[in-house]
Amino acid sequence: MNYIWFLRMARWVRNPPSPQMVKLVIGVIAVSLLIFGFEYMFGWPEWLTPNGGGRAHRLP
């Protein structure tokens, strides 16, 4: 590990984040995992799939 990471860890131990910030981070992670799990179980919805075109698809 880089010594800068040890300095960051020491700063977090001396000055930890607030409980609201911890709840916010855990909430964002939980919502992300829920979205990932839903997509993994049911697949990507067809109505969110783009039709193509744009710069990547050039017709001859």
PDB file of N, CA and C in Angstrom:
ATOM      1  N   MET A   1       0.840  -1.191   0.000  1.00  0.00           N
ATOM      2  CA  MET A   1       0.000   0.000   0.000  1.00  0.00           C
ATOM      3  C   MET A   1       0.877   1.242   0.000  1.00  0.00           C
ATOM      4  N   ASN A   2       0.349   2.255  -0.598  1.00  0.00           N
ATOM      5  CA  ASN A   2       1.025   3.533  -0.628  1.00  0.00           C
ATOM      6  C   ASN A   2       0.890   4.210   0.744  1.00  0.00           C
ATOM      7  N   TYR A   3       1.909   4.944   1.144  1.00  0.00           N
ATOM      8  CA  TYR A   3       1.859   5.575   2.467  1.00  0.00           C
ATOM      9  C   TYR A   3       0.771   6.637   2.561  1.00  0.00           C
ATOM     10  N   ILE A   4       0.333   7.175   1.433  1.00  0.00           N
ATOM     11  CA  ILE A   4      -0.736   8.182   1.455  1.00  0.00           C
ATOM     12  C   ILE A   4      -2.038   7.562   1.957  1.00  0.00           C
ATOM     13  N   TRP A   5      -2.268   6.273   1.619  1.00  0.00           N
ATOM     14  CA  TRP A   5      -3.477   5.607   2.110  1.00  0.00           C
ATOM     15  C   TRP A   5      -3.442   5.469   3.622  1.00  0.00           C
ATOM     16  N   PHE A   6      -2.265   5.218   4.190  1.00  0.00           N
ATOM     17  CA  PHE A   6      -2.148   5.155   5.650  1.00  0.00           C
ATOM     18  C   PHE A   6      -2.432   6.513   6.280  1.00  0.00           C
ATOM     19  N   LEU A   7      -2.002   7.580   5.634  1.00  0.00           N
ATOM     20  CA  LEU A   7      -2.309   8.915   6.146  1.00  0.00           C
ATOM     21  C   LEU A   7      -3.811   9.191   6.083  1.00  0.00           C
ATOM     22  N   ARG A   8      -4.457   8.765   5.011  1.00  0.00           N
ATOM     23  CA  ARG A   8      -5.910   8.946   4.917  1.00  0.00           C
ATOM     24  C   ARG A   8      -6.632   8.156   6.001  1.00  0.00           C
ATOM     25  N   MET A   9      -6.187   6.906   6.224  1.00  0.00           N
ATOM     26  CA  MET A   9      -6.823   6.098   7.274  1.00  0.00           C
ATOM     27  C   MET A   9      -6.647   6.736   8.643  1.00  0.00           C
ATOM     28  N   ALA A  10      -5.471   7.278   8.904  1.00  0.00           N
ATOM     29  CA  ALA A  10      -5.240   7.930  10.191  1.00  0.00           C
ATOM     30  C   ALA A  10      -6.131   9.159  10.350  1.00  0.00           C
ATOM     31  N   ARG A  11      -6.310   9.902   9.264  1.00  0.00           N
ATOM     32  CA  ARG A  11      -7.182  11.083   9.335  1.00  0.00           C
ATOM     33  C   ARG A  11      -8.631  10.684   9.583  1.00  0.00           C
ATOM     34  N   TRP A  12      -9.085   9.576   8.972  1.00  0.00           N
ATOM     35  CA  TRP A  12     -10.453   9.107   9.191  1.00  0.00           C
ATOM     36  C   TRP A  12     -10.649   8.632  10.625  1.00  0.00           C
ATOM     37  N   VAL A  13      -9.615   8.026  11.218  1.00  0.00           N
ATOM     38  CA  VAL A  13      -9.726   7.560  12.601  1.00  0.00           C
ATOM     39  C   VAL A  13      -9.813   8.755  13.545  1.00  0.00           C
ATOM     40  N   ARG A  14      -9.048   9.796  13.263  1.00  0.00           N
ATOM     41  CA  ARG A  14      -9.068  10.973  14.127  1.00  0.00           C
ATOM     42  C   ARG A  14     -10.321  11.818  13.936  1.00  0.00           C
ATOM     43  N   ASN A  15     -10.842  11.846  12.719  1.00  0.00           N
ATOM     44  CA  ASN A  15     -11.984  12.696  12.392  1.00  0.00           C
ATOM     45  C   ASN A  15     -12.974  11.886  11.545  1.00  0.00           C
ATOM     46  N   PRO A  16     -13.741  10.980  12.169  1.00  0.00           N
ATOM     47  CA  PRO A  16     -14.626  10.101  11.394  1.00  0.00           C
ATOM     48  C   PRO A  16     -15.796  10.876  10.777  1.00  0.00           C
ATOM     49  N   PRO A  17     -16.389  10.306   9.726  1.00  0.00           N
ATOM     50  CA  PRO A  17     -17.545  10.975   9.121  1.00  0.00           C
ATOM     51  C   PRO A  17     -18.747  10.931  10.058  1.00  0.00           C
ATOM     52  N   SER A  18     -19.698  11.825   9.808  1.00  0.00           N
ATOM     53  CA  SER A  18     -20.891  11.904  10.648  1.00  0.00           C
ATOM     54  C   SER A  18     -21.789  10.689  10.396  1.00  0.00           C
ATOM     55  N   PRO A  19     -22.665  10.366  11.356  1.00  0.00           N
ATOM     56  CA  PRO A  19     -23.590   9.239  11.145  1.00  0.00           C
ATOM     57  C   PRO A  19     -24.507   9.449   9.943  1.00  0.00           C
ATOM     58  N   GLN A  20     -24.881  10.694   9.654  1.00  0.00           N
ATOM     59  CA  GLN A  20     -25.715  10.953   8.488  1.00  0.00           C
ATOM     60  C   GLN A  20     -24.974  10.609   7.193  1.00  0.00           C
ATOM     61  N   MET A  21     -23.682  10.917   7.138  1.00  0.00           N
ATOM     62  CA  MET A  21     -22.898  10.603   5.945  1.00  0.00           C
ATOM     63  C   MET A  21     -22.748   9.101   5.776  1.00  0.00           C
ATOM     64  N   VAL A  22     -22.569   8.390   6.870  1.00  0.00           N
ATOM     65  CA  VAL A  22     -22.457   6.935   6.806  1.00  0.00           C
ATOM     66  C   VAL A  22     -23.775   6.334   6.315  1.00  0.00           C
ATOM     67  N   LYS A  23     -24.909   6.835   6.826  1.00  0.00           N
ATOM     68  CA  LYS A  23     -26.214   6.351   6.379  1.00  0.00           C
ATOM     69  C   LYS A  23     -26.432   6.655   4.897  1.00  0.00           C
ATOM     70  N   LEU A  24     -26.018   7.820   4.450  1.00  0.00           N
ATOM     71  CA  LEU A  24     -26.161   8.186   3.046  1.00  0.00           C
ATOM     72  C   LEU A  24     -25.362   7.243   2.148  1.00  0.00           C
ATOM     73  N   VAL A  25     -24.123   6.976   2.521  1.00  0.00           N
ATOM     74  CA  VAL A  25     -23.276   6.092   1.713  1.00  0.00           C
ATOM     75  C   VAL A  25     -23.851   4.679   1.687  1.00  0.00           C
ATOM     76  N   ILE A  26     -24.294   4.186   2.829  1.00  0.00           N
ATOM     77  CA  ILE A  26     -24.891   2.840   2.881  1.00  0.00           C
ATOM     78  C   ILE A  26     -26.176   2.798   2.061  1.00  0.00           C
ATOM     79  N   GLY A  27     -26.966   3.864   2.106  1.00  0.00           N
ATOM     80  CA  GLY A  27     -28.185   3.925   1.316  1.00  0.00           C
ATOM     81  C   GLY A  27     -27.913   3.912  -0.184  1.00  0.00           C
ATOM     82  N   VAL A  28     -26.915   4.659  -0.621  1.00  0.00           N
ATOM     83  CA  VAL A  28     -26.560   4.684  -2.044  1.00  0.00           C
ATOM     84  C   VAL A  28     -26.069   3.315  -2.492  1.00  0.00           C
ATOM     85  N   ILE A  29     -25.265   2.662  -1.669  1.00  0.00           N
ATOM     86  CA  ILE A  29     -24.787   1.322  -2.001  1.00  0.00           C
ATOM     87  C   ILE A  29     -25.948   0.339  -2.055  1.00  0.00           C
ATOM     88  N   ALA A  30     -26.894   0.442  -1.120  1.00  0.00           N
ATOM     89  CA  ALA A  30     -28.041  -0.466  -1.104  1.00  0.00           C
ATOM     90  C   ALA A  30     -28.915  -0.280  -2.342  1.00  0.00           C
ATOM     91  N   VAL A  31     -29.185   0.961  -2.726  1.00  0.00           N
ATOM     92  CA  VAL A  31     -29.994   1.219  -3.922  1.00  0.00           C
ATOM     93  C   VAL A  31     -29.281   0.694  -5.163  1.00  0.00           C
ATOM     94  N   SER A  32     -27.972   0.885  -5.236  1.00  0.00           N
ATOM     95  CA  SER A  32     -27.211   0.374  -6.376  1.00  0.00           C
ATOM     96  C   SER A  32     -27.280  -1.141  -6.449  1.00  0.00           C
ATOM     97  N   LEU A  33     -27.168  -1.811  -5.316  1.00  0.00           N
ATOM     98  CA  LEU A  33     -27.257  -3.268  -5.306  1.00  0.00           C
ATOM     99  C   LEU A  33     -28.658  -3.750  -5.673  1.00  0.00           C
ATOM    100  N   LEU A  34     -29.688  -3.021  -5.244  1.00  0.00           N
ATOM    101  CA  LEU A  34     -31.051  -3.382  -5.628  1.00  0.00           C
ATOM    102  C   LEU A  34     -31.267  -3.259  -7.134  1.00  0.00           C
ATOM    103  N   ILE A  35     -30.779  -2.186  -7.714  1.00  0.00           N
ATOM    104  CA  ILE A  35     -30.910  -2.006  -9.155  1.00  0.00           C
ATOM    105  C   ILE A  35     -30.133  -3.089  -9.901  1.00  0.00           C
ATOM    106  N   PHE A  36     -28.930  -3.387  -9.442  1.00  0.00           N
ATOM    107  CA  PHE A  36     -28.138  -4.440 -10.071  1.00  0.00           C
ATOM    108  C   PHE A  36     -28.839  -5.789  -9.960  1.00  0.00           C
ATOM    109  N   GLY A  37     -29.370  -6.110  -8.793  1.00  0.00           N
ATOM    110  CA  GLY A  37     -30.057  -7.384  -8.602  1.00  0.00           C
ATOM    111  C   GLY A  37     -31.299  -7.495  -9.458  1.00  0.00           C
ATOM    112  N   PHE A  38     -32.061  -6.411  -9.572  1.00  0.00           N
ATOM    113  CA  PHE A  38     -33.257  -6.425 -10.417  1.00  0.00           C
ATOM    114  C   PHE A  38     -32.880  -6.663 -11.869  1.00  0.00           C
ATOM    115  N   GLU A  39     -31.839  -5.959 -12.330  1.00  0.00           N
ATOM    116  CA  GLU A  39     -31.418  -6.133 -13.714  1.00  0.00           C
ATOM    117  C   GLU A  39     -30.846  -7.533 -13.945  1.00  0.00           C
ATOM    118  N   TYR A  40     -30.143  -8.071 -12.973  1.00  0.00           N
ATOM    119  CA  TYR A  40     -29.574  -9.408 -13.111  1.00  0.00           C
ATOM    120  C   TYR A  40     -30.667 -10.470 -13.171  1.00  0.00           C
ATOM    121  N   MET A  41     -31.721 -10.308 -12.387  1.00  0.00           N
ATOM    122  CA  MET A  41     -32.792 -11.307 -12.357  1.00  0.00           C
ATOM    123  C   MET A  41     -33.728 -11.200 -13.560  1.00  0.00           C
ATOM    124  N   PHE A  42     -34.092  -9.994 -13.950  1.00  0.00           N
ATOM    125  CA  PHE A  42     -35.105  -9.808 -14.974  1.00  0.00           C
ATOM    126  C   PHE A  42     -34.555  -9.319 -16.307  1.00  0.00           C
ATOM    127  N   GLY A  43     -33.313  -8.967 -16.377  1.00  0.00           N
ATOM    128  CA  GLY A  43     -32.718  -8.504 -17.627  1.00  0.00           C
ATOM    129  C   GLY A  43     -32.952  -7.023 -17.879  1.00  0.00           C
ATOM    130  N   TRP A  44     -32.307  -6.546 -18.927  1.00  0.00           N
ATOM    131  CA  TRP A  44     -32.422  -5.140 -19.302  1.00  0.00           C
ATOM    132  C   TRP A  44     -33.744  -4.930 -20.027  1.00  0.00           C
ATOM    133  N   PRO A  45     -34.542  -3.926 -19.634  1.00  0.00           N
ATOM    134  CA  PRO A  45     -35.832  -3.717 -20.301  1.00  0.00           C
ATOM    135  C   PRO A  45     -35.643  -3.289 -21.757  1.00  0.00           C
ATOM    136  N   GLU A  46     -36.487  -3.814 -22.609  1.00  0.00           N
ATOM    137  CA  GLU A  46     -36.399  -3.520 -24.036  1.00  0.00           C
ATOM    138  C   GLU A  46     -36.651  -2.045 -24.321  1.00  0.00           C
ATOM    139  N   TRP A  47     -37.512  -1.407 -23.540  1.00  0.00           N
ATOM    140  CA  TRP A  47     -37.829  -0.006 -23.795  1.00  0.00           C
ATOM    141  C   TRP A  47     -36.679   0.931 -23.443  1.00  0.00           C
ATOM    142  N   LEU A  48     -35.662   0.435 -22.725  1.00  0.00           N
ATOM    143  CA  LEU A  48     -34.489   1.254 -22.434  1.00  0.00           C
ATOM    144  C   LEU A  48     -33.345   1.025 -23.420  1.00  0.00           C
ATOM    145  N   THR A  49     -33.509   0.101 -24.356  1.00  0.00           N
ATOM    146  CA  THR A  49     -32.475  -0.180 -25.336  1.00  0.00           C
ATOM    147  C   THR A  49     -32.569   0.827 -26.472  1.00  0.00           C
ATOM    148  N   PRO A  50     -31.464   1.498 -26.801  1.00  0.00           N
ATOM    149  CA  PRO A  50     -31.523   2.471 -27.887  1.00  0.00           C
ATOM    150  C   PRO A  50     -31.718   1.783 -29.231  1.00  0.00           C
ATOM    151  N   ASN A  51     -32.241   2.519 -30.185  1.00  0.00           N
ATOM    152  CA  ASN A  51     -32.513   1.974 -31.510  1.00  0.00           C
ATOM    153  C   ASN A  51     -31.271   1.917 -32.386  1.00  0.00           C
ATOM    154  N   GLY A  52     -30.212   2.505 -31.950  1.00  0.00           N
ATOM    155  CA  GLY A  52     -29.007   2.551 -32.771  1.00  0.00           C
ATOM    156  C   GLY A  52     -28.880   3.904 -33.437  1.00  0.00           C
ATOM    157  N   GLY A  53     -28.011   3.969 -34.417  1.00  0.00           N
ATOM    158  CA  GLY A  53     -27.787   5.239 -35.099  1.00  0.00           C
ATOM    159  C   GLY A  53     -26.687   6.013 -34.411  1.00  0.00           C
ATOM    160  N   GLY A  54     -26.647   7.259 -34.642  1.00  0.00           N
ATOM    161  CA  GLY A  54     -25.603   8.082 -34.061  1.00  0.00           C
ATOM    162  C   GLY A  54     -24.309   7.960 -34.840  1.00  0.00           C
ATOM    163  N   ARG A  55     -23.216   8.272 -34.237  1.00  0.00           N
ATOM    164  CA  ARG A  55     -21.932   8.270 -34.922  1.00  0.00           C
ATOM    165  C   ARG A  55     -21.366   6.876 -35.110  1.00  0.00           C
ATOM    166  N   ALA A  56     -21.729   5.928 -34.251  1.00  0.00           N
ATOM    167  CA  ALA A  56     -21.154   4.610 -34.334  1.00  0.00           C
ATOM    168  C   ALA A  56     -21.690   3.823 -35.532  1.00  0.00           C
ATOM    169  N   HIS A  57     -22.964   3.994 -35.869  1.00  0.00           N
ATOM    170  CA  HIS A  57     -23.582   3.273 -36.985  1.00  0.00           C
ATOM    171  C   HIS A  57     -23.728   4.212 -38.165  1.00  0.00           C
ATOM    172  N   ARG A  58     -22.883   4.012 -39.145  1.00  0.00           N
ATOM    173  CA  ARG A  58     -22.993   4.813 -40.355  1.00  0.00           C
ATOM    174  C   ARG A  58     -23.470   3.920 -41.477  1.00  0.00           C
ATOM    175  N   LEU A  59     -24.534   4.304 -42.086  1.00  0.00           N
ATOM    176  CA  LEU A  59     -25.065   3.526 -43.200  1.00  0.00           C
ATOM    177  C   LEU A  59     -24.308   3.887 -44.478  1.00  0.00           C
ATOM    178  N   PRO A  60     -24.024   2.887 -45.308  1.00  0.00           N
ATOM    179  CA  PRO A  60     -23.277   3.184 -46.565  1.00  0.00           C
ATOM    180  C   PRO A  60     -24.100   3.931 -47.572  1.00  0.00           C
TER     181      PRO A  60
END
